[in-house]
Amino acid sequence: GMNHTTRRIQLQTTCIRIPQGNSLRLS
C-alpha cells in the first residue's frame, strides 16, 4: 500500500449503450 504506483483494476465485461445526454461516472 505505501508504494506510489499505478493500480490496474479489471472491471467486469460489459455491453451497454449510454445515450446522448447521459454522463459517465467512475466511483
PDB file of all heavy atoms in Angstrom:
ATOM      1  N   GLY A   1       0.754  -1.245   0.000  1.00  0.00           N
ATOM      2  CA  GLY A   1       0.000   0.000   0.000  1.00  0.00           C
ATOM      3  C   GLY A   1       0.778   1.285   0.000  1.00  0.00           C
ATOM      4  O   GLY A   1       0.307   2.296  -0.493  1.00  0.00           O
ATOM      5  N   MET A   2       1.981   1.294   0.579  1.00  0.00           N
ATOM      6  CA  MET A   2       2.702   2.556   0.710  1.00  0.00           C
ATOM      7  C   MET A   2       3.478   2.934  -0.545  1.00  0.00           C
ATOM      8  O   MET A   2       4.048   4.022  -0.613  1.00  0.00           O
ATOM      9  CB  MET A   2       3.615   2.495   1.923  1.00  0.00           C
ATOM     10  CG  MET A   2       2.827   2.394   3.219  1.00  0.00           C
ATOM     11  SD  MET A   2       3.906   2.396   4.656  1.00  0.00           S
ATOM     12  CE  MET A   2       2.701   2.542   5.963  1.00  0.00           C
ATOM     13  N   ASN A   3       3.508   2.054  -1.536  1.00  0.00           N
ATOM     14  CA  ASN A   3       4.175   2.368  -2.805  1.00  0.00           C
ATOM     15  C   ASN A   3       3.266   3.237  -3.668  1.00  0.00           C
ATOM     16  O   ASN A   3       2.114   2.880  -3.901  1.00  0.00           O
ATOM     17  CB  ASN A   3       4.520   1.092  -3.568  1.00  0.00           C
ATOM     18  CG  ASN A   3       5.592   0.285  -2.872  1.00  0.00           C
ATOM     19  OD1 ASN A   3       6.398   0.826  -2.127  1.00  0.00           O
ATOM     20  ND2 ASN A   3       5.592  -1.008  -3.096  1.00  0.00           N
ATOM     21  N   HIS A   4       3.785   4.362  -4.147  1.00  0.00           N
ATOM     22  CA  HIS A   4       3.022   5.225  -5.057  1.00  0.00           C
ATOM     23  C   HIS A   4       3.166   4.646  -6.460  1.00  0.00           C
ATOM     24  O   HIS A   4       4.234   4.721  -7.067  1.00  0.00           O
ATOM     25  CB  HIS A   4       3.546   6.666  -5.007  1.00  0.00           C
ATOM     26  CG  HIS A   4       2.705   7.620  -5.773  1.00  0.00           C
ATOM     27  ND1 HIS A   4       1.496   8.085  -5.291  1.00  0.00           N
ATOM     28  CD2 HIS A   4       2.861   8.188  -6.983  1.00  0.00           C
ATOM     29  CE1 HIS A   4       0.964   8.908  -6.176  1.00  0.00           C
ATOM     30  NE2 HIS A   4       1.772   8.982  -7.220  1.00  0.00           N
ATOM     31  N   THR A   5       2.118   4.037  -6.945  1.00  0.00           N
ATOM     32  CA  THR A   5       2.200   3.311  -8.210  1.00  0.00           C
ATOM     33  C   THR A   5       0.843   3.290  -8.897  1.00  0.00           C
ATOM     34  O   THR A   5      -0.159   3.737  -8.336  1.00  0.00           O
ATOM     35  CB  THR A   5       2.697   1.873  -7.969  1.00  0.00           C
ATOM     36  OG1 THR A   5       2.944   1.246  -9.214  1.00  0.00           O
ATOM     37  CG2 THR A   5       1.696   1.061  -7.166  1.00  0.00           C
ATOM     38  N   THR A   6       0.826   2.777 -10.125  1.00  0.00           N
ATOM     39  CA  THR A   6      -0.418   2.660 -10.877  1.00  0.00           C
ATOM     40  C   THR A   6      -1.060   1.319 -10.588  1.00  0.00           C
ATOM     41  O   THR A   6      -0.437   0.269 -10.753  1.00  0.00           O
ATOM     42  CB  THR A   6      -0.150   2.787 -12.392  1.00  0.00           C
ATOM     43  OG1 THR A   6       0.437   4.061 -12.661  1.00  0.00           O
ATOM     44  CG2 THR A   6      -1.451   2.655 -13.179  1.00  0.00           C
ATOM     45  N   ARG A   7      -2.307   1.343 -10.153  1.00  0.00           N
ATOM     46  CA  ARG A   7      -3.091   0.129  -9.894  1.00  0.00           C
ATOM     47  C   ARG A   7      -4.038  -0.075 -11.065  1.00  0.00           C
ATOM     48  O   ARG A   7      -4.758   0.833 -11.455  1.00  0.00           O
ATOM     49  CB  ARG A   7      -3.905   0.264  -8.604  1.00  0.00           C
ATOM     50  CG  ARG A   7      -3.100   0.688  -7.399  1.00  0.00           C
ATOM     51  CD  ARG A   7      -2.135  -0.372  -6.970  1.00  0.00           C
ATOM     52  NE  ARG A   7      -1.384   0.061  -5.798  1.00  0.00           N
ATOM     53  CZ  ARG A   7      -0.540  -0.702  -5.152  1.00  0.00           C
ATOM     54  NH1 ARG A   7      -0.331  -1.947  -5.548  1.00  0.00           N
ATOM     55  NH2 ARG A   7       0.119  -0.241  -4.110  1.00  0.00           N
ATOM     56  N   ARG A   8      -4.042  -1.278 -11.636  1.00  0.00           N
ATOM     57  CA  ARG A   8      -4.940  -1.609 -12.749  1.00  0.00           C
ATOM     58  C   ARG A   8      -6.090  -2.455 -12.205  1.00  0.00           C
ATOM     59  O   ARG A   8      -5.877  -3.571 -11.731  1.00  0.00           O
ATOM     60  CB  ARG A   8      -4.197  -2.370 -13.839  1.00  0.00           C
ATOM     61  CG  ARG A   8      -3.249  -1.481 -14.631  1.00  0.00           C
ATOM     62  CD  ARG A   8      -2.464  -2.267 -15.668  1.00  0.00           C
ATOM     63  NE  ARG A   8      -3.309  -2.918 -16.658  1.00  0.00           N
ATOM     64  CZ  ARG A   8      -3.673  -2.381 -17.811  1.00  0.00           C
ATOM     65  NH1 ARG A   8      -3.276  -1.166 -18.132  1.00  0.00           N
ATOM     66  NH2 ARG A   8      -4.419  -3.047 -18.654  1.00  0.00           N
ATOM     67  N   ILE A   9      -7.284  -1.901 -12.279  1.00  0.00           N
ATOM     68  CA  ILE A   9      -8.475  -2.601 -11.806  1.00  0.00           C
ATOM     69  C   ILE A   9      -9.246  -3.097 -13.016  1.00  0.00           C
ATOM     70  O   ILE A   9      -9.747  -2.304 -13.819  1.00  0.00           O
ATOM     71  CB  ILE A   9      -9.367  -1.682 -10.946  1.00  0.00           C
ATOM     72  CG1 ILE A   9      -8.551  -1.050  -9.814  1.00  0.00           C
ATOM     73  CG2 ILE A   9     -10.547  -2.463 -10.386  1.00  0.00           C
ATOM     74  CD1 ILE A   9      -9.285   0.029  -9.058  1.00  0.00           C
ATOM     75  N   GLN A  10      -9.326  -4.413 -13.156  1.00  0.00           N
ATOM     76  CA  GLN A  10     -10.069  -5.038 -14.249  1.00  0.00           C
ATOM     77  C   GLN A  10     -11.550  -5.053 -13.882  1.00  0.00           C
ATOM     78  O   GLN A  10     -11.922  -5.594 -12.852  1.00  0.00           O
ATOM     79  CB  GLN A  10      -9.577  -6.473 -14.463  1.00  0.00           C
ATOM     80  CG  GLN A  10     -10.337  -7.228 -15.532  1.00  0.00           C
ATOM     81  CD  GLN A  10      -9.960  -6.764 -16.929  1.00  0.00           C
ATOM     82  OE1 GLN A  10      -8.796  -6.706 -17.273  1.00  0.00           O
ATOM     83  NE2 GLN A  10     -10.956  -6.445 -17.720  1.00  0.00           N
ATOM     84  N   LEU A  11     -12.385  -4.440 -14.708  1.00  0.00           N
ATOM     85  CA  LEU A  11     -13.818  -4.427 -14.460  1.00  0.00           C
ATOM     86  C   LEU A  11     -14.482  -5.579 -15.196  1.00  0.00           C
ATOM     87  O   LEU A  11     -13.916  -6.139 -16.133  1.00  0.00           O
ATOM     88  CB  LEU A  11     -14.426  -3.086 -14.895  1.00  0.00           C
ATOM     89  CG  LEU A  11     -14.287  -1.927 -13.898  1.00  0.00           C
ATOM     90  CD1 LEU A  11     -12.845  -1.621 -13.558  1.00  0.00           C
ATOM     91  CD2 LEU A  11     -14.968  -0.688 -14.416  1.00  0.00           C
ATOM     92  N   GLN A  12     -15.672  -5.920 -14.768  1.00  0.00           N
ATOM     93  CA  GLN A  12     -16.423  -6.989 -15.416  1.00  0.00           C
ATOM     94  C   GLN A  12     -16.740  -6.612 -16.859  1.00  0.00           C
ATOM     95  O   GLN A  12     -16.972  -5.444 -17.177  1.00  0.00           O
ATOM     96  CB  GLN A  12     -17.740  -7.244 -14.660  1.00  0.00           C
ATOM     97  CG  GLN A  12     -17.541  -7.862 -13.289  1.00  0.00           C
ATOM     98  CD  GLN A  12     -17.078  -9.295 -13.388  1.00  0.00           C
ATOM     99  OE1 GLN A  12     -17.698 -10.108 -14.048  1.00  0.00           O
ATOM    100  NE2 GLN A  12     -15.972  -9.606 -12.738  1.00  0.00           N
ATOM    101  N   THR A  13     -16.760  -7.615 -17.726  1.00  0.00           N
ATOM    102  CA  THR A  13     -17.110  -7.403 -19.124  1.00  0.00           C
ATOM    103  C   THR A  13     -18.485  -6.748 -19.219  1.00  0.00           C
ATOM    104  O   THR A  13     -19.396  -7.094 -18.468  1.00  0.00           O
ATOM    105  CB  THR A  13     -17.111  -8.741 -19.877  1.00  0.00           C
ATOM    106  OG1 THR A  13     -15.800  -9.314 -19.764  1.00  0.00           O
ATOM    107  CG2 THR A  13     -17.463  -8.564 -21.330  1.00  0.00           C
ATOM    108  N   THR A  14     -18.619  -5.797 -20.123  1.00  0.00           N
ATOM    109  CA  THR A  14     -19.882  -5.084 -20.249  1.00  0.00           C
ATOM    110  C   THR A  14     -20.293  -4.938 -21.707  1.00  0.00           C
ATOM    111  O   THR A  14     -19.463  -4.996 -22.616  1.00  0.00           O
ATOM    112  CB  THR A  14     -19.789  -3.689 -19.587  1.00  0.00           C
ATOM    113  OG1 THR A  14     -21.088  -3.099 -19.511  1.00  0.00           O
ATOM    114  CG2 THR A  14     -18.863  -2.766 -20.364  1.00  0.00           C
ATOM    115  N   CYS A  15     -21.574  -4.772 -21.909  1.00  0.00           N
ATOM    116  CA  CYS A  15     -22.149  -4.464 -23.216  1.00  0.00           C
ATOM    117  C   CYS A  15     -23.292  -3.487 -22.965  1.00  0.00           C
ATOM    118  O   CYS A  15     -24.323  -3.870 -22.393  1.00  0.00           O
ATOM    119  CB  CYS A  15     -22.649  -5.736 -23.903  1.00  0.00           C
ATOM    120  SG  CYS A  15     -23.406  -5.421 -25.516  1.00  0.00           S
ATOM    121  N   ILE A  16     -23.091  -2.227 -23.337  1.00  0.00           N
ATOM    122  CA  ILE A  16     -24.081  -1.208 -23.000  1.00  0.00           C
ATOM    123  C   ILE A  16     -24.018  -0.057 -24.002  1.00  0.00           C
ATOM    124  O   ILE A  16     -22.977   0.221 -24.582  1.00  0.00           O
ATOM    125  CB  ILE A  16     -23.836  -0.672 -21.558  1.00  0.00           C
ATOM    126  CG1 ILE A  16     -24.976   0.244 -21.102  1.00  0.00           C
ATOM    127  CG2 ILE A  16     -22.484   0.019 -21.452  1.00  0.00           C
ATOM    128  CD1 ILE A  16     -24.908   0.608 -19.623  1.00  0.00           C
ATOM    129  N   ARG A  17     -25.164   0.583 -24.185  1.00  0.00           N
ATOM    130  CA  ARG A  17     -25.237   1.840 -24.929  1.00  0.00           C
ATOM    131  C   ARG A  17     -25.625   2.919 -23.943  1.00  0.00           C
ATOM    132  O   ARG A  17     -26.689   2.853 -23.323  1.00  0.00           O
ATOM    133  CB  ARG A  17     -26.278   1.770 -26.049  1.00  0.00           C
ATOM    134  CG  ARG A  17     -26.421   3.103 -26.812  1.00  0.00           C
ATOM    135  CD  ARG A  17     -27.557   3.062 -27.816  1.00  0.00           C
ATOM    136  NE  ARG A  17     -28.863   2.993 -27.178  1.00  0.00           N
ATOM    137  CZ  ARG A  17     -29.577   4.057 -26.771  1.00  0.00           C
ATOM    138  NH1 ARG A  17     -29.105   5.275 -26.935  1.00  0.00           N
ATOM    139  NH2 ARG A  17     -30.753   3.889 -26.217  1.00  0.00           N
ATOM    140  N   ILE A  18     -24.763   3.914 -23.792  1.00  0.00           N
ATOM    141  CA  ILE A  18     -25.070   5.051 -22.930  1.00  0.00           C
ATOM    142  C   ILE A  18     -25.549   6.167 -23.844  1.00  0.00           C
ATOM    143  O   ILE A  18     -24.804   6.635 -24.714  1.00  0.00           O
ATOM    144  CB  ILE A  18     -23.842   5.482 -22.110  1.00  0.00           C
ATOM    145  CG1 ILE A  18     -23.364   4.306 -21.261  1.00  0.00           C
ATOM    146  CG2 ILE A  18     -24.171   6.684 -21.235  1.00  0.00           C
ATOM    147  CD1 ILE A  18     -22.100   4.566 -20.497  1.00  0.00           C
ATOM    148  N   PRO A  19     -26.802   6.577 -23.701  1.00  0.00           N
ATOM    149  CA  PRO A  19     -27.362   7.528 -24.671  1.00  0.00           C
ATOM    150  C   PRO A  19     -26.824   8.946 -24.521  1.00  0.00           C
ATOM    151  O   PRO A  19     -26.372   9.355 -23.456  1.00  0.00           O
ATOM    152  CB  PRO A  19     -28.867   7.474 -24.379  1.00  0.00           C
ATOM    153  CG  PRO A  19     -28.987   6.985 -22.992  1.00  0.00           C
ATOM    154  CD  PRO A  19     -27.796   6.121 -22.726  1.00  0.00           C
ATOM    155  N   GLN A  20     -26.888   9.657 -25.619  1.00  0.00           N
ATOM    156  CA  GLN A  20     -26.548  11.076 -25.649  1.00  0.00           C
ATOM    157  C   GLN A  20     -27.305  11.796 -24.540  1.00  0.00           C
ATOM    158  O   GLN A  20     -28.482  11.541 -24.305  1.00  0.00           O
ATOM    159  CB  GLN A  20     -26.935  11.647 -27.004  1.00  0.00           C
ATOM    160  CG  GLN A  20     -26.747  13.136 -27.145  1.00  0.00           C
ATOM    161  CD  GLN A  20     -27.215  13.640 -28.497  1.00  0.00           C
ATOM    162  OE1 GLN A  20     -27.467  12.865 -29.404  1.00  0.00           O
ATOM    163  NE2 GLN A  20     -27.341  14.944 -28.612  1.00  0.00           N
ATOM    164  N   GLY A  21     -26.613  12.693 -23.854  1.00  0.00           N
ATOM    165  CA  GLY A  21     -27.240  13.444 -22.764  1.00  0.00           C
ATOM    166  C   GLY A  21     -26.937  12.874 -21.398  1.00  0.00           C
ATOM    167  O   GLY A  21     -26.982  13.590 -20.401  1.00  0.00           O
ATOM    168  N   ASN A  22     -26.660  11.565 -21.322  1.00  0.00           N
ATOM    169  CA  ASN A  22     -26.238  10.976 -20.059  1.00  0.00           C
ATOM    170  C   ASN A  22     -24.739  11.193 -19.891  1.00  0.00           C
ATOM    171  O   ASN A  22     -24.025  11.504 -20.839  1.00  0.00           O
ATOM    172  CB  ASN A  22     -26.552   9.478 -20.012  1.00  0.00           C
ATOM    173  CG  ASN A  22     -28.034   9.210 -19.822  1.00  0.00           C
ATOM    174  OD1 ASN A  22     -28.843  10.125 -19.844  1.00  0.00           O
ATOM    175  ND2 ASN A  22     -28.392   7.952 -19.653  1.00  0.00           N
ATOM    176  N   SER A  23     -24.253  11.011 -18.664  1.00  0.00           N
ATOM    177  CA  SER A  23     -22.827  11.160 -18.369  1.00  0.00           C
ATOM    178  C   SER A  23     -22.271   9.827 -17.895  1.00  0.00           C
ATOM    179  O   SER A  23     -23.009   8.949 -17.436  1.00  0.00           O
ATOM    180  CB  SER A  23     -22.612  12.213 -17.280  1.00  0.00           C
ATOM    181  OG  SER A  23     -23.095  13.466 -17.698  1.00  0.00           O
ATOM    182  N   LEU A  24     -20.966   9.696 -17.968  1.00  0.00           N
ATOM    183  CA  LEU A  24     -20.258   8.523 -17.481  1.00  0.00           C
ATOM    184  C   LEU A  24     -19.643   8.880 -16.139  1.00  0.00           C
ATOM    185  O   LEU A  24     -19.081   9.975 -15.982  1.00  0.00           O
ATOM    186  CB  LEU A  24     -19.169   8.131 -18.479  1.00  0.00           C
ATOM    187  CG  LEU A  24     -18.378   6.865 -18.217  1.00  0.00           C
ATOM    188  CD1 LEU A  24     -19.280   5.641 -18.361  1.00  0.00           C
ATOM    189  CD2 LEU A  24     -17.212   6.772 -19.192  1.00  0.00           C
ATOM    190  N   ARG A  25     -19.732   7.978 -15.149  1.00  0.00           N
ATOM    191  CA  ARG A  25     -19.168   8.253 -13.825  1.00  0.00           C
ATOM    192  C   ARG A  25     -18.346   7.077 -13.332  1.00  0.00           C
ATOM    193  O   ARG A  25     -18.762   5.927 -13.438  1.00  0.00           O
ATOM    194  CB  ARG A  25     -20.265   8.541 -12.806  1.00  0.00           C
ATOM    195  CG  ARG A  25     -19.721   8.657 -11.362  1.00  0.00           C
ATOM    196  CD  ARG A  25     -20.773   9.042 -10.359  1.00  0.00           C
ATOM    197  NE  ARG A  25     -21.172  10.435 -10.579  1.00  0.00           N
ATOM    198  CZ  ARG A  25     -22.147  11.033  -9.895  1.00  0.00           C
ATOM    199  NH1 ARG A  25     -22.822  10.370  -8.971  1.00  0.00           N
ATOM    200  NH2 ARG A  25     -22.452  12.298 -10.155  1.00  0.00           N
ATOM    201  N   LEU A  26     -17.178   7.398 -12.771  1.00  0.00           N
ATOM    202  CA  LEU A  26     -16.383   6.438 -12.018  1.00  0.00           C
ATOM    203  C   LEU A  26     -16.541   6.764 -10.547  1.00  0.00           C
ATOM    204  O   LEU A  26     -16.327   7.910 -10.134  1.00  0.00           O
ATOM    205  CB  LEU A  26     -14.901   6.514 -12.405  1.00  0.00           C
ATOM    206  CG  LEU A  26     -13.964   5.709 -11.504  1.00  0.00           C
ATOM    207  CD1 LEU A  26     -14.195   4.215 -11.670  1.00  0.00           C
ATOM    208  CD2 LEU A  26     -12.512   6.076 -11.767  1.00  0.00           C
ATOM    209  N   SER A  27     -16.912   5.763  -9.756  1.00  0.00           N
ATOM    210  CA  SER A  27     -16.972   5.899  -8.301  1.00  0.00           C
ATOM    211  C   SER A  27     -15.866   5.034  -7.724  1.00  0.00           C
ATOM    212  O   SER A  27     -15.765   3.846  -8.056  1.00  0.00           O
ATOM    213  CB  SER A  27     -18.326   5.435  -7.761  1.00  0.00           C
ATOM    214  OG  SER A  27     -19.374   6.153  -8.382  1.00  0.00           O
TER     215      SER A  27
END
